Amino acid sequence: MLSPSVGPRDALTIARIVRVNHAGEYGAIRIYRAQIRISRWLFPDIVDDLEDILAHEIRHCAVFLDAMPARHSRPCRVMAFWSLGGSVLGACTALMGRQALWACTAAVEAAVHRHLEDQLGFLAGRDQALHAAILDIREEELSHLNHAEAQLAAPNLFRRLLRNVISVLTDMLIWLSTWGDSARMAADLRRRATG
């Protein structure tokens, strides 16, 4: 749980970490469910891979939901954006083809991986239980990223643009869901690394 030395500002940041991670997993569930629905028709050979990833995301979502009460957190106010955005993004990328589908996974997982790294640095010494849970989840998210990148052909302009747009949208939702704490954590960690 929280270290006794954690002050109110850090406790608030930890509550926001749990909230945004839960929302992100909720959105990822929507992405993969939409991709699976369309892939059953268009790319049945990749449905098993997507279902494995979906099972991980469902477990991750439950981990963060369970972590909320002890950290005085609650689900994100913009869950509707995560839900609708995830469903639309999943359906659109699946309809664009298997390369767009995997580019979406790679973009989302890369953004998630960056934020989890920032969170791990912040949580060290502040919340060991949450740190351990995120460390475990990070390994699965990294395996999703590596799997998606292994499915992609050589990058072209469209896939680079698609990945950049998805990455920016993911970062924006994370920023909105943490009221800017995600950017503050990253800046604090950069300062500590150089100072």
C-alpha atoms as a PDB file:
ATOM      1  CA  MET A   1       0.000   0.000   0.000  1.00  0.00           C
ATOM      2  CA  LEU A   2       0.970   3.649   0.276  1.00  0.00           C
ATOM      3  CA  SER A   3       4.178   4.484   2.054  1.00  0.00           C
ATOM      4  CA  PRO A   4       3.564   6.440   5.295  1.00  0.00           C
ATOM      5  CA  SER A   5       5.695   9.274   3.912  1.00  0.00           C
ATOM      6  CA  VAL A   6       3.374   9.887   0.945  1.00  0.00           C
ATOM      7  CA  GLY A   7       1.940  13.391   1.088  1.00  0.00           C
ATOM      8  CA  PRO A   8      -1.469  14.547  -0.139  1.00  0.00           C
ATOM      9  CA  ARG A   9      -0.207  15.644  -3.593  1.00  0.00           C
ATOM     10  CA  ASP A  10       1.467  12.269  -4.235  1.00  0.00           C
ATOM     11  CA  ALA A  11      -1.589  10.411  -2.897  1.00  0.00           C
ATOM     12  CA  LEU A  12      -3.743  12.344  -5.388  1.00  0.00           C
ATOM     13  CA  THR A  13      -1.350  11.459  -8.216  1.00  0.00           C
ATOM     14  CA  ILE A  14      -1.503   7.782  -7.227  1.00  0.00           C
ATOM     15  CA  ALA A  15      -5.313   7.914  -7.229  1.00  0.00           C
ATOM     16  CA  ARG A  16      -5.173   9.436 -10.704  1.00  0.00           C
ATOM     17  CA  ILE A  17      -2.726   6.768 -11.915  1.00  0.00           C
ATOM     18  CA  VAL A  18      -5.159   4.049 -10.883  1.00  0.00           C
ATOM     19  CA  ARG A  19      -8.046   5.941 -12.481  1.00  0.00           C
ATOM     20  CA  VAL A  20      -6.355   6.526 -15.843  1.00  0.00           C
ATOM     21  CA  ASN A  21      -4.967   2.995 -16.014  1.00  0.00           C
ATOM     22  CA  HIS A  22      -8.427   1.575 -15.364  1.00  0.00           C
ATOM     23  CA  ALA A  23      -9.889   3.860 -18.052  1.00  0.00           C
ATOM     24  CA  GLY A  24      -7.145   2.934 -20.514  1.00  0.00           C
ATOM     25  CA  GLU A  25      -7.724  -0.780 -20.002  1.00  0.00           C
ATOM     26  CA  TYR A  26     -11.467  -0.176 -20.380  1.00  0.00           C
ATOM     27  CA  GLY A  27     -10.794   1.574 -23.704  1.00  0.00           C
ATOM     28  CA  ALA A  28      -8.435  -1.213 -24.814  1.00  0.00           C
ATOM     29  CA  ILE A  29     -11.147  -3.773 -24.106  1.00  0.00           C
ATOM     30  CA  ARG A  30     -13.442  -1.814 -26.433  1.00  0.00           C
ATOM     31  CA  ILE A  31     -10.743  -1.620 -29.134  1.00  0.00           C
ATOM     32  CA  TYR A  32     -10.090  -5.360 -29.107  1.00  0.00           C
ATOM     33  CA  ARG A  33     -13.767  -6.339 -28.908  1.00  0.00           C
ATOM     34  CA  ALA A  34     -14.518  -4.217 -31.984  1.00  0.00           C
ATOM     35  CA  GLN A  35     -11.494  -5.611 -33.825  1.00  0.00           C
ATOM     36  CA  ILE A  36     -12.490  -9.180 -32.956  1.00  0.00           C
ATOM     37  CA  ARG A  37     -16.064  -8.673 -34.206  1.00  0.00           C
ATOM     38  CA  ILE A  38     -14.821  -7.460 -37.587  1.00  0.00           C
ATOM     39  CA  SER A  39     -11.882  -9.875 -37.779  1.00  0.00           C
ATOM     40  CA  ARG A  40     -14.240 -12.843 -37.419  1.00  0.00           C
ATOM     41  CA  TRP A  41     -15.468 -11.906 -40.929  1.00  0.00           C
ATOM     42  CA  LEU A  42     -12.344 -10.484 -42.526  1.00  0.00           C
ATOM     43  CA  PHE A  43      -9.305 -12.054 -40.781  1.00  0.00           C
ATOM     44  CA  PRO A  44     -10.384 -15.149 -38.844  1.00  0.00           C
ATOM     45  CA  ASP A  45      -6.744 -16.295 -38.603  1.00  0.00           C
ATOM     46  CA  ILE A  46      -5.890 -13.493 -36.137  1.00  0.00           C
ATOM     47  CA  VAL A  47      -8.938 -13.780 -33.858  1.00  0.00           C
ATOM     48  CA  ASP A  48      -7.153 -16.113 -31.403  1.00  0.00           C
ATOM     49  CA  ASP A  49      -4.289 -13.600 -31.010  1.00  0.00           C
ATOM     50  CA  LEU A  50      -6.734 -10.753 -30.416  1.00  0.00           C
ATOM     51  CA  GLU A  51      -8.730 -12.807 -27.915  1.00  0.00           C
ATOM     52  CA  ASP A  52      -5.540 -13.566 -25.945  1.00  0.00           C
ATOM     53  CA  ILE A  53      -4.715  -9.853 -25.816  1.00  0.00           C
ATOM     54  CA  LEU A  54      -8.313  -9.046 -24.823  1.00  0.00           C
ATOM     55  CA  ALA A  55      -8.128 -11.530 -21.922  1.00  0.00           C
ATOM     56  CA  HIS A  56      -5.030  -9.725 -20.622  1.00  0.00           C
ATOM     57  CA  GLU A  57      -6.733  -6.329 -20.898  1.00  0.00           C
ATOM     58  CA  ILE A  58      -9.798  -7.589 -19.010  1.00  0.00           C
ATOM     59  CA  ARG A  59      -7.554  -8.843 -16.198  1.00  0.00           C
ATOM     60  CA  HIS A  60      -5.611  -5.554 -16.125  1.00  0.00           C
ATOM     61  CA  CYS A  61      -8.851  -3.562 -15.911  1.00  0.00           C
ATOM     62  CA  ALA A  62      -9.955  -5.668 -12.933  1.00  0.00           C
ATOM     63  CA  VAL A  63      -6.591  -5.151 -11.181  1.00  0.00           C
ATOM     64  CA  PHE A  64      -6.934  -1.375 -11.408  1.00  0.00           C
ATOM     65  CA  LEU A  65     -10.603  -1.407 -10.393  1.00  0.00           C
ATOM     66  CA  ASP A  66      -9.696  -3.480  -7.318  1.00  0.00           C
ATOM     67  CA  ALA A  67      -6.876  -1.033  -6.472  1.00  0.00           C
ATOM     68  CA  MET A  68      -9.195   2.003  -6.406  1.00  0.00           C
ATOM     69  CA  PRO A  69     -10.814   1.841  -2.939  1.00  0.00           C
ATOM     70  CA  ALA A  70      -7.547   1.663  -0.974  1.00  0.00           C
ATOM     71  CA  ARG A  71      -6.235   4.683  -2.913  1.00  0.00           C
ATOM     72  CA  HIS A  72      -9.429   6.743  -2.644  1.00  0.00           C
ATOM     73  CA  SER A  73      -9.864   6.604  -6.400  1.00  0.00           C
ATOM     74  CA  ARG A  74     -12.912   6.108  -8.570  1.00  0.00           C
ATOM     75  CA  PRO A  75     -13.577   5.477 -12.254  1.00  0.00           C
ATOM     76  CA  CYS A  76     -12.703   8.289 -14.631  1.00  0.00           C
ATOM     77  CA  ARG A  77     -15.329  10.926 -15.468  1.00  0.00           C
ATOM     78  CA  VAL A  78     -14.568  10.615 -19.190  1.00  0.00           C
ATOM     79  CA  MET A  79     -15.136   6.835 -19.374  1.00  0.00           C
ATOM     80  CA  ALA A  80     -17.644   7.422 -22.172  1.00  0.00           C
ATOM     81  CA  PHE A  81     -14.823   8.859 -24.316  1.00  0.00           C
ATOM     82  CA  TRP A  82     -12.622   5.841 -23.593  1.00  0.00           C
ATOM     83  CA  SER A  83     -15.512   3.489 -24.411  1.00  0.00           C
ATOM     84  CA  LEU A  84     -16.763   5.195 -27.550  1.00  0.00           C
ATOM     85  CA  GLY A  85     -13.277   6.101 -28.733  1.00  0.00           C
ATOM     86  CA  GLY A  86     -12.036   2.547 -28.227  1.00  0.00           C
ATOM     87  CA  SER A  87     -14.974   1.021 -30.083  1.00  0.00           C
ATOM     88  CA  VAL A  88     -14.712   3.442 -33.001  1.00  0.00           C
ATOM     89  CA  LEU A  89     -10.931   3.121 -33.211  1.00  0.00           C
ATOM     90  CA  GLY A  90     -11.079  -0.675 -33.091  1.00  0.00           C
ATOM     91  CA  ALA A  91     -13.787  -0.918 -35.740  1.00  0.00           C
ATOM     92  CA  CYS A  92     -12.207   1.647 -38.079  1.00  0.00           C
ATOM     93  CA  THR A  93      -8.735   0.144 -37.948  1.00  0.00           C
ATOM     94  CA  ALA A  94     -10.067  -3.385 -38.462  1.00  0.00           C
ATOM     95  CA  LEU A  95     -12.065  -2.209 -41.486  1.00  0.00           C
ATOM     96  CA  MET A  96      -8.911  -0.562 -42.892  1.00  0.00           C
ATOM     97  CA  GLY A  97      -7.172  -3.933 -42.960  1.00  0.00           C
ATOM     98  CA  ARG A  98      -4.949  -6.140 -40.866  1.00  0.00           C
ATOM     99  CA  GLN A  99      -1.948  -3.785 -41.187  1.00  0.00           C
ATOM    100  CA  ALA A 100      -4.012  -0.882 -39.819  1.00  0.00           C
ATOM    101  CA  LEU A 101      -5.317  -3.139 -37.058  1.00  0.00           C
ATOM    102  CA  TRP A 102      -1.791  -4.077 -35.946  1.00  0.00           C
ATOM    103  CA  ALA A 103      -0.597  -0.480 -36.372  1.00  0.00           C
ATOM    104  CA  CYS A 104      -3.359   0.547 -33.951  1.00  0.00           C
ATOM    105  CA  THR A 105      -2.254  -2.050 -31.409  1.00  0.00           C
ATOM    106  CA  ALA A 106       1.379  -0.996 -31.753  1.00  0.00           C
ATOM    107  CA  ALA A 107       0.534   2.713 -31.342  1.00  0.00           C
ATOM    108  CA  VAL A 108      -1.688   2.225 -28.294  1.00  0.00           C
ATOM    109  CA  GLU A 109       0.675  -0.212 -26.602  1.00  0.00           C
ATOM    110  CA  ALA A 110       3.706   2.034 -27.237  1.00  0.00           C
ATOM    111  CA  ALA A 111       1.910   4.992 -25.628  1.00  0.00           C
ATOM    112  CA  VAL A 112       0.799   2.823 -22.715  1.00  0.00           C
ATOM    113  CA  HIS A 113       4.324   1.484 -22.251  1.00  0.00           C
ATOM    114  CA  ARG A 114       5.745   5.046 -22.044  1.00  0.00           C
ATOM    115  CA  HIS A 115       3.210   6.019 -19.395  1.00  0.00           C
ATOM    116  CA  LEU A 116       3.701   2.836 -17.388  1.00  0.00           C
ATOM    117  CA  GLU A 117       7.439   3.532 -17.308  1.00  0.00           C
ATOM    118  CA  ASP A 118       6.772   7.021 -15.928  1.00  0.00           C
ATOM    119  CA  GLN A 119       4.358   5.572 -13.368  1.00  0.00           C
ATOM    120  CA  LEU A 120       6.820   2.922 -12.219  1.00  0.00           C
ATOM    121  CA  GLY A 121       9.434   5.590 -11.587  1.00  0.00           C
ATOM    122  CA  PHE A 122       6.943   7.676  -9.644  1.00  0.00           C
ATOM    123  CA  LEU A 123       5.528   4.781  -7.600  1.00  0.00           C
ATOM    124  CA  ALA A 124       8.877   3.356  -6.471  1.00  0.00           C
ATOM    125  CA  GLY A 125       8.997   3.934  -2.719  1.00  0.00           C
ATOM    126  CA  ARG A 126       5.495   5.404  -2.665  1.00  0.00           C
ATOM    127  CA  ASP A 127       3.163   2.437  -3.343  1.00  0.00           C
ATOM    128  CA  GLN A 128       4.905  -0.934  -3.569  1.00  0.00           C
ATOM    129  CA  ALA A 129       1.725  -2.973  -4.198  1.00  0.00           C
ATOM    130  CA  LEU A 130       0.675  -0.819  -7.146  1.00  0.00           C
ATOM    131  CA  HIS A 131       4.275  -0.714  -8.388  1.00  0.00           C
ATOM    132  CA  ALA A 132       4.373  -4.545  -8.412  1.00  0.00           C
ATOM    133  CA  ALA A 133       1.011  -4.796 -10.189  1.00  0.00           C
ATOM    134  CA  ILE A 134       2.069  -2.331 -12.900  1.00  0.00           C
ATOM    135  CA  LEU A 135       5.409  -4.086 -13.303  1.00  0.00           C
ATOM    136  CA  ASP A 136       3.552  -7.326 -14.023  1.00  0.00           C
ATOM    137  CA  ILE A 137       1.087  -5.644 -16.372  1.00  0.00           C
ATOM    138  CA  ARG A 138       3.878  -3.826 -18.203  1.00  0.00           C
ATOM    139  CA  GLU A 139       5.360  -7.174 -19.282  1.00  0.00           C
ATOM    140  CA  GLU A 140       2.092  -8.251 -20.897  1.00  0.00           C
ATOM    141  CA  GLU A 141       1.592  -4.856 -22.551  1.00  0.00           C
ATOM    142  CA  LEU A 142       5.133  -5.051 -23.921  1.00  0.00           C
ATOM    143  CA  SER A 143       4.391  -8.511 -25.332  1.00  0.00           C
ATOM    144  CA  HIS A 144       1.317  -7.030 -27.095  1.00  0.00           C
ATOM    145  CA  LEU A 145       3.494  -4.278 -28.572  1.00  0.00           C
ATOM    146  CA  ASN A 146       6.165  -6.734 -29.727  1.00  0.00           C
ATOM    147  CA  HIS A 147       3.568  -9.060 -31.245  1.00  0.00           C
ATOM    148  CA  ALA A 148       1.868  -6.212 -33.130  1.00  0.00           C
ATOM    149  CA  GLU A 149       5.171  -4.897 -34.463  1.00  0.00           C
ATOM    150  CA  ALA A 150       6.129  -8.401 -35.643  1.00  0.00           C
ATOM    151  CA  GLN A 151       2.931  -8.493 -37.736  1.00  0.00           C
ATOM    152  CA  LEU A 152       3.608  -5.193 -39.469  1.00  0.00           C
ATOM    153  CA  ALA A 153       5.177  -4.903 -42.887  1.00  0.00           C
ATOM    154  CA  ALA A 154       7.780  -2.227 -43.566  1.00  0.00           C
ATOM    155  CA  PRO A 155       6.382   1.158 -42.511  1.00  0.00           C
ATOM    156  CA  ASN A 156       4.781   3.332 -45.137  1.00  0.00           C
ATOM    157  CA  LEU A 157       3.467   6.872 -44.931  1.00  0.00           C
ATOM    158  CA  PHE A 158      -0.101   5.787 -44.107  1.00  0.00           C
ATOM    159  CA  ARG A 159       0.895   3.482 -41.235  1.00  0.00           C
ATOM    160  CA  ARG A 160       3.318   6.041 -39.794  1.00  0.00           C
ATOM    161  CA  LEU A 161       0.602   8.704 -39.916  1.00  0.00           C
ATOM    162  CA  LEU A 162      -1.977   6.326 -38.406  1.00  0.00           C
ATOM    163  CA  ARG A 163       0.364   5.354 -35.558  1.00  0.00           C
ATOM    164  CA  ASN A 164       1.199   9.008 -34.843  1.00  0.00           C
ATOM    165  CA  VAL A 165      -2.462  10.064 -34.782  1.00  0.00           C
ATOM    166  CA  ILE A 166      -3.438   7.168 -32.493  1.00  0.00           C
ATOM    167  CA  SER A 167      -0.480   7.842 -30.204  1.00  0.00           C
ATOM    168  CA  VAL A 168      -1.341  11.546 -29.900  1.00  0.00           C
ATOM    169  CA  LEU A 169      -5.019  10.773 -29.195  1.00  0.00           C
ATOM    170  CA  THR A 170      -4.030   8.211 -26.544  1.00  0.00           C
ATOM    171  CA  ASP A 171      -1.677  10.695 -24.881  1.00  0.00           C
ATOM    172  CA  MET A 172      -4.409  13.371 -24.939  1.00  0.00           C
ATOM    173  CA  LEU A 173      -6.929  11.080 -23.251  1.00  0.00           C
ATOM    174  CA  ILE A 174      -4.355  10.094 -20.640  1.00  0.00           C
ATOM    175  CA  TRP A 175      -3.555  13.754 -19.971  1.00  0.00           C
ATOM    176  CA  LEU A 176      -7.251  14.640 -19.660  1.00  0.00           C
ATOM    177  CA  SER A 177      -7.929  11.665 -17.403  1.00  0.00           C
ATOM    178  CA  THR A 178      -5.124  12.616 -14.983  1.00  0.00           C
ATOM    179  CA  TRP A 179      -5.733  16.372 -15.136  1.00  0.00           C
ATOM    180  CA  GLY A 180      -2.179  16.799 -16.374  1.00  0.00           C
ATOM    181  CA  ASP A 181      -0.505  14.622 -13.722  1.00  0.00           C
ATOM    182  CA  SER A 182       0.874  12.338 -16.453  1.00  0.00           C
ATOM    183  CA  ALA A 183       2.867  15.268 -17.876  1.00  0.00           C
ATOM    184  CA  ARG A 184       3.957  16.385 -14.386  1.00  0.00           C
ATOM    185  CA  MET A 185       5.224  12.890 -13.547  1.00  0.00           C
ATOM    186  CA  ALA A 186       7.209  12.652 -16.775  1.00  0.00           C
ATOM    187  CA  ALA A 187       8.761  16.096 -16.191  1.00  0.00           C
ATOM    188  CA  ASP A 188       9.603  15.243 -12.545  1.00  0.00           C
ATOM    189  CA  LEU A 189      11.281  12.008 -13.606  1.00  0.00           C
ATOM    190  CA  ARG A 190      13.297  13.788 -16.322  1.00  0.00           C
ATOM    191  CA  ARG A 191      14.439  16.394 -13.772  1.00  0.00           C
ATOM    192  CA  ARG A 192      15.505  13.693 -11.307  1.00  0.00           C
ATOM    193  CA  ALA A 193      17.383  11.789 -14.004  1.00  0.00           C
ATOM    194  CA  THR A 194      19.383  14.859 -15.086  1.00  0.00           C
ATOM    195  CA  GLY A 195      19.723  16.496 -11.670  1.00  0.00           C
END
